[in-house]
Amino acid sequence: MNIIQLSHEEFAENVDFSFSLAEKGHTLKVTTNKGKVLIITAVATEVTGAPEEVKIPNPEEFVPDPVATRAYVTESLGEMTGPDF
């Protein structure tokens, strides 16, 4: 994978070509006229094209579960910090 650096003007003049590079696996680093950096990469897989074993929730159907979230965070922090922390 290559990281291709572009100025705002270069990207604006070559939007379609830039996106085709990203689709082929290149990463684009675009520096805007205000000095901000944008990173453009290809999507790994579309939500509709994910394998059956990958469970990606649809944002419109997602219902947060505070109890499960708290349990997950507590468990994850315990694994990261260990018993000596």
PDB file of N, CA and C in Angstrom:
ATOM      1  N   MET A   1       0.845  -1.166   0.000  1.00  0.00           N
ATOM      2  CA  MET A   1       0.000   0.000   0.000  1.00  0.00           C
ATOM      3  C   MET A   1       0.893   1.232   0.000  1.00  0.00           C
ATOM      4  N   ASN A   2       0.526   2.206  -0.796  1.00  0.00           N
ATOM      5  CA  ASN A   2       1.276   3.448  -0.881  1.00  0.00           C
ATOM      6  C   ASN A   2       0.477   4.588  -0.273  1.00  0.00           C
ATOM      7  N   ILE A   3       1.183   5.546   0.304  1.00  0.00           N
ATOM      8  CA  ILE A   3       0.546   6.770   0.769  1.00  0.00           C
ATOM      9  C   ILE A   3       0.906   7.854  -0.233  1.00  0.00           C
ATOM     10  N   ILE A   4      -0.106   8.412  -0.864  1.00  0.00           N
ATOM     11  CA  ILE A   4       0.093   9.426  -1.888  1.00  0.00           C
ATOM     12  C   ILE A   4      -0.296  10.773  -1.297  1.00  0.00           C
ATOM     13  N   GLN A   5       0.645  11.711  -1.320  1.00  0.00           N
ATOM     14  CA  GLN A   5       0.400  13.038  -0.759  1.00  0.00           C
ATOM     15  C   GLN A   5      -0.054  13.978  -1.869  1.00  0.00           C
ATOM     16  N   LEU A   6      -1.162  14.675  -1.619  1.00  0.00           N
ATOM     17  CA  LEU A   6      -1.713  15.614  -2.591  1.00  0.00           C
ATOM     18  C   LEU A   6      -2.023  16.939  -1.917  1.00  0.00           C
ATOM     19  N   SER A   7      -1.905  18.003  -2.690  1.00  0.00           N
ATOM     20  CA  SER A   7      -2.366  19.300  -2.191  1.00  0.00           C
ATOM     21  C   SER A   7      -3.862  19.388  -2.450  1.00  0.00           C
ATOM     22  N   HIS A   8      -4.491  20.383  -1.864  1.00  0.00           N
ATOM     23  CA  HIS A   8      -5.925  20.588  -2.065  1.00  0.00           C
ATOM     24  C   HIS A   8      -6.228  20.765  -3.552  1.00  0.00           C
ATOM     25  N   GLU A   9      -5.414  21.539  -4.238  1.00  0.00           N
ATOM     26  CA  GLU A   9      -5.626  21.805  -5.660  1.00  0.00           C
ATOM     27  C   GLU A   9      -5.481  20.533  -6.497  1.00  0.00           C
ATOM     28  N   GLU A  10      -4.439  19.740  -6.209  1.00  0.00           N
ATOM     29  CA  GLU A  10      -4.228  18.495  -6.952  1.00  0.00           C
ATOM     30  C   GLU A  10      -5.415  17.553  -6.785  1.00  0.00           C
ATOM     31  N   PHE A  11      -5.905  17.439  -5.543  1.00  0.00           N
ATOM     32  CA  PHE A  11      -7.049  16.570  -5.299  1.00  0.00           C
ATOM     33  C   PHE A  11      -8.286  17.082  -6.017  1.00  0.00           C
ATOM     34  N   ALA A  12      -8.542  18.396  -5.930  1.00  0.00           N
ATOM     35  CA  ALA A  12      -9.730  18.988  -6.549  1.00  0.00           C
ATOM     36  C   ALA A  12      -9.723  18.809  -8.067  1.00  0.00           C
ATOM     37  N   GLU A  13      -8.559  18.875  -8.684  1.00  0.00           N
ATOM     38  CA  GLU A  13      -8.452  18.725 -10.139  1.00  0.00           C
ATOM     39  C   GLU A  13      -8.564  17.271 -10.581  1.00  0.00           C
ATOM     40  N   ASN A  14      -8.347  16.330  -9.671  1.00  0.00           N
ATOM     41  CA  ASN A  14      -8.293  14.908 -10.032  1.00  0.00           C
ATOM     42  C   ASN A  14      -9.110  14.042  -9.088  1.00  0.00           C
ATOM     43  N   VAL A  15     -10.305  14.477  -8.736  1.00  0.00           N
ATOM     44  CA  VAL A  15     -11.120  13.759  -7.754  1.00  0.00           C
ATOM     45  C   VAL A  15     -11.398  12.322  -8.194  1.00  0.00           C
ATOM     46  N   ASP A  16     -11.889  12.129  -9.395  1.00  0.00           N
ATOM     47  CA  ASP A  16     -12.225  10.780  -9.863  1.00  0.00           C
ATOM     48  C   ASP A  16     -11.009   9.865  -9.869  1.00  0.00           C
ATOM     49  N   PHE A  17      -9.893  10.364 -10.368  1.00  0.00           N
ATOM     50  CA  PHE A  17      -8.673   9.566 -10.401  1.00  0.00           C
ATOM     51  C   PHE A  17      -8.193   9.255  -8.984  1.00  0.00           C
ATOM     52  N   SER A  18      -8.299  10.236  -8.094  1.00  0.00           N
ATOM     53  CA  SER A  18      -7.882  10.032  -6.704  1.00  0.00           C
ATOM     54  C   SER A  18      -8.704   8.929  -6.050  1.00  0.00           C
ATOM     55  N   PHE A  19     -10.027   8.960  -6.264  1.00  0.00           N
ATOM     56  CA  PHE A  19     -10.869   7.918  -5.685  1.00  0.00           C
ATOM     57  C   PHE A  19     -10.569   6.552  -6.291  1.00  0.00           C
ATOM     58  N   SER A  20     -10.235   6.508  -7.573  1.00  0.00           N
ATOM     59  CA  SER A  20      -9.897   5.210  -8.169  1.00  0.00           C
ATOM     60  C   SER A  20      -8.614   4.660  -7.544  1.00  0.00           C
ATOM     61  N   LEU A  21      -7.674   5.536  -7.202  1.00  0.00           N
ATOM     62  CA  LEU A  21      -6.466   5.069  -6.511  1.00  0.00           C
ATOM     63  C   LEU A  21      -6.803   4.502  -5.141  1.00  0.00           C
ATOM     64  N   ALA A  22      -7.690   5.184  -4.411  1.00  0.00           N
ATOM     65  CA  ALA A  22      -8.099   4.697  -3.094  1.00  0.00           C
ATOM     66  C   ALA A  22      -8.799   3.350  -3.205  1.00  0.00           C
ATOM     67  N   GLU A  23      -9.641   3.186  -4.218  1.00  0.00           N
ATOM     68  CA  GLU A  23     -10.338   1.913  -4.415  1.00  0.00           C
ATOM     69  C   GLU A  23      -9.370   0.777  -4.687  1.00  0.00           C
ATOM     70  N   LYS A  24      -8.205   1.094  -5.259  1.00  0.00           N
ATOM     71  CA  LYS A  24      -7.200   0.068  -5.552  1.00  0.00           C
ATOM     72  C   LYS A  24      -6.291  -0.221  -4.369  1.00  0.00           C
ATOM     73  N   GLY A  25      -6.541   0.447  -3.218  1.00  0.00           N
ATOM     74  CA  GLY A  25      -5.783   0.141  -2.013  1.00  0.00           C
ATOM     75  C   GLY A  25      -4.790   1.203  -1.585  1.00  0.00           C
ATOM     76  N   HIS A  26      -4.643   2.277  -2.352  1.00  0.00           N
ATOM     77  CA  HIS A  26      -3.728   3.342  -1.955  1.00  0.00           C
ATOM     78  C   HIS A  26      -4.383   4.227  -0.904  1.00  0.00           C
ATOM     79  N   THR A  27      -3.575   4.833  -0.071  1.00  0.00           N
ATOM     80  CA  THR A  27      -4.049   5.793   0.913  1.00  0.00           C
ATOM     81  C   THR A  27      -3.665   7.181   0.418  1.00  0.00           C
ATOM     82  N   LEU A  28      -4.624   8.109   0.465  1.00  0.00           N
ATOM     83  CA  LEU A  28      -4.369   9.474   0.026  1.00  0.00           C
ATOM     84  C   LEU A  28      -4.275  10.387   1.234  1.00  0.00           C
ATOM     85  N   LYS A  29      -3.261  11.215   1.245  1.00  0.00           N
ATOM     86  CA  LYS A  29      -3.082  12.217   2.301  1.00  0.00           C
ATOM     87  C   LYS A  29      -3.222  13.577   1.615  1.00  0.00           C
ATOM     88  N   VAL A  30      -4.339  14.246   1.892  1.00  0.00           N
ATOM     89  CA  VAL A  30      -4.633  15.522   1.247  1.00  0.00           C
ATOM     90  C   VAL A  30      -4.452  16.634   2.277  1.00  0.00           C
ATOM     91  N   THR A  31      -3.619  17.613   1.940  1.00  0.00           N
ATOM     92  CA  THR A  31      -3.424  18.766   2.808  1.00  0.00           C
ATOM     93  C   THR A  31      -4.240  19.922   2.247  1.00  0.00           C
ATOM     94  N   THR A  32      -5.172  20.426   3.057  1.00  0.00           N
ATOM     95  CA  THR A  32      -6.043  21.505   2.597  1.00  0.00           C
ATOM     96  C   THR A  32      -5.297  22.834   2.597  1.00  0.00           C
ATOM     97  N   ASN A  33      -5.927  23.836   2.012  1.00  0.00           N
ATOM     98  CA  ASN A  33      -5.330  25.177   1.975  1.00  0.00           C
ATOM     99  C   ASN A  33      -5.183  25.764   3.370  1.00  0.00           C
ATOM    100  N   LYS A  34      -5.964  25.270   4.332  1.00  0.00           N
ATOM    101  CA  LYS A  34      -5.884  25.752   5.711  1.00  0.00           C
ATOM    102  C   LYS A  34      -4.915  24.919   6.553  1.00  0.00           C
ATOM    103  N   GLY A  35      -4.206  23.982   5.918  1.00  0.00           N
ATOM    104  CA  GLY A  35      -3.213  23.187   6.617  1.00  0.00           C
ATOM    105  C   GLY A  35      -3.742  21.939   7.297  1.00  0.00           C
ATOM    106  N   LYS A  36      -5.019  21.643   7.146  1.00  0.00           N
ATOM    107  CA  LYS A  36      -5.585  20.429   7.745  1.00  0.00           C
ATOM    108  C   LYS A  36      -5.249  19.236   6.847  1.00  0.00           C
ATOM    109  N   VAL A  37      -5.092  18.087   7.464  1.00  0.00           N
ATOM    110  CA  VAL A  37      -4.744  16.876   6.728  1.00  0.00           C
ATOM    111  C   VAL A  37      -5.952  15.946   6.713  1.00  0.00           C
ATOM    112  N   LEU A  38      -6.295  15.466   5.532  1.00  0.00           N
ATOM    113  CA  LEU A  38      -7.374  14.493   5.356  1.00  0.00           C
ATOM    114  C   LEU A  38      -6.766  13.192   4.857  1.00  0.00           C
ATOM    115  N   ILE A  39      -7.213  12.087   5.406  1.00  0.00           N
ATOM    116  CA  ILE A  39      -6.756  10.770   4.973  1.00  0.00           C
ATOM    117  C   ILE A  39      -7.926  10.071   4.288  1.00  0.00           C
ATOM    118  N   ILE A  40      -7.688   9.557   3.099  1.00  0.00           N
ATOM    119  CA  ILE A  40      -8.725   8.838   2.354  1.00  0.00           C
ATOM    120  C   ILE A  40      -8.206   7.432   2.083  1.00  0.00           C
ATOM    121  N   THR A  41      -8.977   6.447   2.525  1.00  0.00           N
ATOM    122  CA  THR A  41      -8.619   5.051   2.278  1.00  0.00           C
ATOM    123  C   THR A  41      -9.825   4.323   1.708  1.00  0.00           C
ATOM    124  N   ALA A  42      -9.592   3.151   1.185  1.00  0.00           N
ATOM    125  CA  ALA A  42     -10.680   2.341   0.650  1.00  0.00           C
ATOM    126  C   ALA A  42     -11.439   1.682   1.800  1.00  0.00           C
ATOM    127  N   VAL A  43     -12.704   1.472   1.611  1.00  0.00           N
ATOM    128  CA  VAL A  43     -13.521   0.762   2.588  1.00  0.00           C
ATOM    129  C   VAL A  43     -13.155  -0.717   2.496  1.00  0.00           C
ATOM    130  N   ALA A  44     -12.933  -1.344   3.656  1.00  0.00           N
ATOM    131  CA  ALA A  44     -12.524  -2.742   3.664  1.00  0.00           C
ATOM    132  C   ALA A  44     -13.601  -3.647   3.079  1.00  0.00           C
ATOM    133  N   THR A  45     -14.824  -3.450   3.501  1.00  0.00           N
ATOM    134  CA  THR A  45     -15.941  -4.208   2.965  1.00  0.00           C
ATOM    135  C   THR A  45     -17.212  -3.420   3.237  1.00  0.00           C
ATOM    136  N   GLU A  46     -18.126  -3.480   2.321  1.00  0.00           N
ATOM    137  CA  GLU A  46     -19.385  -2.784   2.533  1.00  0.00           C
ATOM    138  C   GLU A  46     -20.231  -3.556   3.529  1.00  0.00           C
ATOM    139  N   VAL A  47     -21.097  -2.851   4.230  1.00  0.00           N
ATOM    140  CA  VAL A  47     -21.940  -3.489   5.232  1.00  0.00           C
ATOM    141  C   VAL A  47     -22.773  -4.588   4.596  1.00  0.00           C
ATOM    142  N   THR A  48     -23.302  -4.335   3.419  1.00  0.00           N
ATOM    143  CA  THR A  48     -24.146  -5.342   2.766  1.00  0.00           C
ATOM    144  C   THR A  48     -23.332  -6.503   2.228  1.00  0.00           C
ATOM    145  N   GLY A  49     -22.028  -6.298   2.027  1.00  0.00           N
ATOM    146  CA  GLY A  49     -21.208  -7.355   1.464  1.00  0.00           C
ATOM    147  C   GLY A  49     -20.399  -8.118   2.496  1.00  0.00           C
ATOM    148  N   ALA A  50     -20.624  -7.866   3.775  1.00  0.00           N
ATOM    149  CA  ALA A  50     -19.859  -8.529   4.819  1.00  0.00           C
ATOM    150  C   ALA A  50     -20.246 -10.004   4.915  1.00  0.00           C
ATOM    151  N   PRO A  51     -19.285 -10.851   5.249  1.00  0.00           N
ATOM    152  CA  PRO A  51     -19.617 -12.268   5.437  1.00  0.00           C
ATOM    153  C   PRO A  51     -20.645 -12.439   6.549  1.00  0.00           C
ATOM    154  N   GLU A  52     -21.363 -13.539   6.518  1.00  0.00           N
ATOM    155  CA  GLU A  52     -22.448 -13.778   7.477  1.00  0.00           C
ATOM    156  C   GLU A  52     -21.961 -13.776   8.919  1.00  0.00           C
ATOM    157  N   GLU A  53     -20.723 -14.256   9.168  1.00  0.00           N
ATOM    158  CA  GLU A  53     -20.234 -14.324  10.539  1.00  0.00           C
ATOM    159  C   GLU A  53     -19.864 -12.946  11.107  1.00  0.00           C
ATOM    160  N   VAL A  54     -19.752 -11.939  10.257  1.00  0.00           N
ATOM    161  CA  VAL A  54     -19.467 -10.581  10.723  1.00  0.00           C
ATOM    162  C   VAL A  54     -20.799  -9.887  10.966  1.00  0.00           C
ATOM    163  N   LYS A  55     -21.036  -9.549  12.213  1.00  0.00           N
ATOM    164  CA  LYS A  55     -22.308  -8.930  12.595  1.00  0.00           C
ATOM    165  C   LYS A  55     -22.117  -7.421  12.745  1.00  0.00           C
ATOM    166  N   ILE A  56     -22.412  -6.683  11.687  1.00  0.00           N
ATOM    167  CA  ILE A  56     -22.310  -5.228  11.723  1.00  0.00           C
ATOM    168  C   ILE A  56     -23.722  -4.681  11.858  1.00  0.00           C
ATOM    169  N   PRO A  57     -24.022  -4.015  12.973  1.00  0.00           N
ATOM    170  CA  PRO A  57     -25.392  -3.516  13.147  1.00  0.00           C
ATOM    171  C   PRO A  57     -25.697  -2.368  12.198  1.00  0.00           C
ATOM    172  N   ASN A  58     -26.917  -2.319  11.755  1.00  0.00           N
ATOM    173  CA  ASN A  58     -27.381  -1.213  10.944  1.00  0.00           C
ATOM    174  C   ASN A  58     -27.597  -0.033  11.895  1.00  0.00           C
ATOM    175  N   PRO A  59     -27.019   1.142  11.622  1.00  0.00           N
ATOM    176  CA  PRO A  59     -27.155   2.267  12.560  1.00  0.00           C
ATOM    177  C   PRO A  59     -28.601   2.628  12.876  1.00  0.00           C
ATOM    178  N   GLU A  60     -29.504   2.469  11.919  1.00  0.00           N
ATOM    179  CA  GLU A  60     -30.906   2.797  12.165  1.00  0.00           C
ATOM    180  C   GLU A  60     -31.560   1.808  13.120  1.00  0.00           C
ATOM    181  N   GLU A  61     -31.054   0.578  13.185  1.00  0.00           N
ATOM    182  CA  GLU A  61     -31.649  -0.463  14.013  1.00  0.00           C
ATOM    183  C   GLU A  61     -30.939  -0.624  15.361  1.00  0.00           C
ATOM    184  N   PHE A  62     -29.815   0.066  15.543  1.00  0.00           N
ATOM    185  CA  PHE A  62     -29.011  -0.121  16.751  1.00  0.00           C
ATOM    186  C   PHE A  62     -29.720   0.464  17.973  1.00  0.00           C
ATOM    187  N   VAL A  63     -29.794  -0.342  19.025  1.00  0.00           N
ATOM    188  CA  VAL A  63     -30.364   0.106  20.306  1.00  0.00           C
ATOM    189  C   VAL A  63     -29.263  -0.046  21.351  1.00  0.00           C
ATOM    190  N   PRO A  64     -28.829   1.061  21.953  1.00  0.00           N
ATOM    191  CA  PRO A  64     -27.753   0.963  22.938  1.00  0.00           C
ATOM    192  C   PRO A  64     -28.187   0.182  24.173  1.00  0.00           C
ATOM    193  N   ASP A  65     -27.258  -0.539  24.752  1.00  0.00           N
ATOM    194  CA  ASP A  65     -27.507  -1.319  25.956  1.00  0.00           C
ATOM    195  C   ASP A  65     -26.496  -0.879  27.014  1.00  0.00           C
ATOM    196  N   PRO A  66     -26.863   0.068  27.881  1.00  0.00           N
ATOM    197  CA  PRO A  66     -25.906   0.601  28.861  1.00  0.00           C
ATOM    198  C   PRO A  66     -25.321  -0.453  29.788  1.00  0.00           C
ATOM    199  N   VAL A  67     -26.099  -1.435  30.192  1.00  0.00           N
ATOM    200  CA  VAL A  67     -25.604  -2.466  31.117  1.00  0.00           C
ATOM    201  C   VAL A  67     -24.545  -3.321  30.433  1.00  0.00           C
ATOM    202  N   ALA A  68     -24.826  -3.758  29.216  1.00  0.00           N
ATOM    203  CA  ALA A  68     -23.856  -4.571  28.478  1.00  0.00           C
ATOM    204  C   ALA A  68     -22.608  -3.757  28.142  1.00  0.00           C
ATOM    205  N   THR A  69     -22.785  -2.494  27.813  1.00  0.00           N
ATOM    206  CA  THR A  69     -21.644  -1.631  27.511  1.00  0.00           C
ATOM    207  C   THR A  69     -20.753  -1.481  28.732  1.00  0.00           C
ATOM    208  N   ARG A  70     -21.346  -1.240  29.894  1.00  0.00           N
ATOM    209  CA  ARG A  70     -20.569  -1.105  31.126  1.00  0.00           C
ATOM    210  C   ARG A  70     -19.819  -2.402  31.426  1.00  0.00           C
ATOM    211  N   ALA A  71     -20.473  -3.545  31.269  1.00  0.00           N
ATOM    212  CA  ALA A  71     -19.821  -4.833  31.530  1.00  0.00           C
ATOM    213  C   ALA A  71     -18.649  -5.047  30.572  1.00  0.00           C
ATOM    214  N   TYR A  72     -18.847  -4.709  29.312  1.00  0.00           N
ATOM    215  CA  TYR A  72     -17.784  -4.873  28.314  1.00  0.00           C
ATOM    216  C   TYR A  72     -16.596  -3.974  28.641  1.00  0.00           C
ATOM    217  N   VAL A  73     -16.875  -2.714  28.979  1.00  0.00           N
ATOM    218  CA  VAL A  73     -15.800  -1.771  29.301  1.00  0.00           C
ATOM    219  C   VAL A  73     -15.044  -2.236  30.540  1.00  0.00           C
ATOM    220  N   THR A  74     -15.754  -2.666  31.566  1.00  0.00           N
ATOM    221  CA  THR A  74     -15.115  -3.145  32.792  1.00  0.00           C
ATOM    222  C   THR A  74     -14.224  -4.347  32.501  1.00  0.00           C
ATOM    223  N   GLU A  75     -14.746  -5.292  31.732  1.00  0.00           N
ATOM    224  CA  GLU A  75     -13.966  -6.485  31.379  1.00  0.00           C
ATOM    225  C   GLU A  75     -12.734  -6.104  30.561  1.00  0.00           C
ATOM    226  N   SER A  76     -12.911  -5.242  29.575  1.00  0.00           N
ATOM    227  CA  SER A  76     -11.793  -4.839  28.711  1.00  0.00           C
ATOM    228  C   SER A  76     -10.720  -4.093  29.487  1.00  0.00           C
ATOM    229  N   LEU A  77     -11.137  -3.184  30.363  1.00  0.00           N
ATOM    230  CA  LEU A  77     -10.169  -2.464  31.179  1.00  0.00           C
ATOM    231  C   LEU A  77      -9.411  -3.418  32.098  1.00  0.00           C
ATOM    232  N   GLY A  78     -10.127  -4.410  32.630  1.00  0.00           N
ATOM    233  CA  GLY A  78      -9.461  -5.406  33.476  1.00  0.00           C
ATOM    234  C   GLY A  78      -8.410  -6.183  32.727  1.00  0.00           C
ATOM    235  N   GLU A  79      -8.717  -6.530  31.465  1.00  0.00           N
ATOM    236  CA  GLU A  79      -7.747  -7.259  30.641  1.00  0.00           C
ATOM    237  C   GLU A  79      -6.545  -6.385  30.290  1.00  0.00           C
ATOM    238  N   MET A  80      -6.789  -5.110  30.056  1.00  0.00           N
ATOM    239  CA  MET A  80      -5.705  -4.202  29.653  1.00  0.00           C
ATOM    240  C   MET A  80      -4.786  -3.846  30.822  1.00  0.00           C
ATOM    241  N   THR A  81      -5.360  -3.669  31.996  1.00  0.00           N
ATOM    242  CA  THR A  81      -4.573  -3.214  33.144  1.00  0.00           C
ATOM    243  C   THR A  81      -4.005  -4.369  33.957  1.00  0.00           C
ATOM    244  N   GLY A  82      -4.662  -5.508  33.941  1.00  0.00           N
ATOM    245  CA  GLY A  82      -4.177  -6.663  34.686  1.00  0.00           C
ATOM    246  C   GLY A  82      -4.462  -6.539  36.166  1.00  0.00           C
ATOM    247  N   PRO A  83      -4.198  -7.581  36.923  1.00  0.00           N
ATOM    248  CA  PRO A  83      -4.513  -7.595  38.350  1.00  0.00           C
ATOM    249  C   PRO A  83      -3.581  -6.706  39.174  1.00  0.00           C
ATOM    250  N   ASP A  84      -2.418  -6.361  38.657  1.00  0.00           N
ATOM    251  CA  ASP A  84      -1.430  -5.576  39.413  1.00  0.00           C
ATOM    252  C   ASP A  84      -1.643  -4.072  39.293  1.00  0.00           C
ATOM    253  N   PHE A  85      -2.584  -3.653  38.494  1.00  0.00           N
ATOM    254  CA  PHE A  85      -2.762  -2.218  38.253  1.00  0.00           C
ATOM    255  C   PHE A  85      -3.590  -1.568  39.327  1.00  0.00           C
TER     256      PHE A  85
END
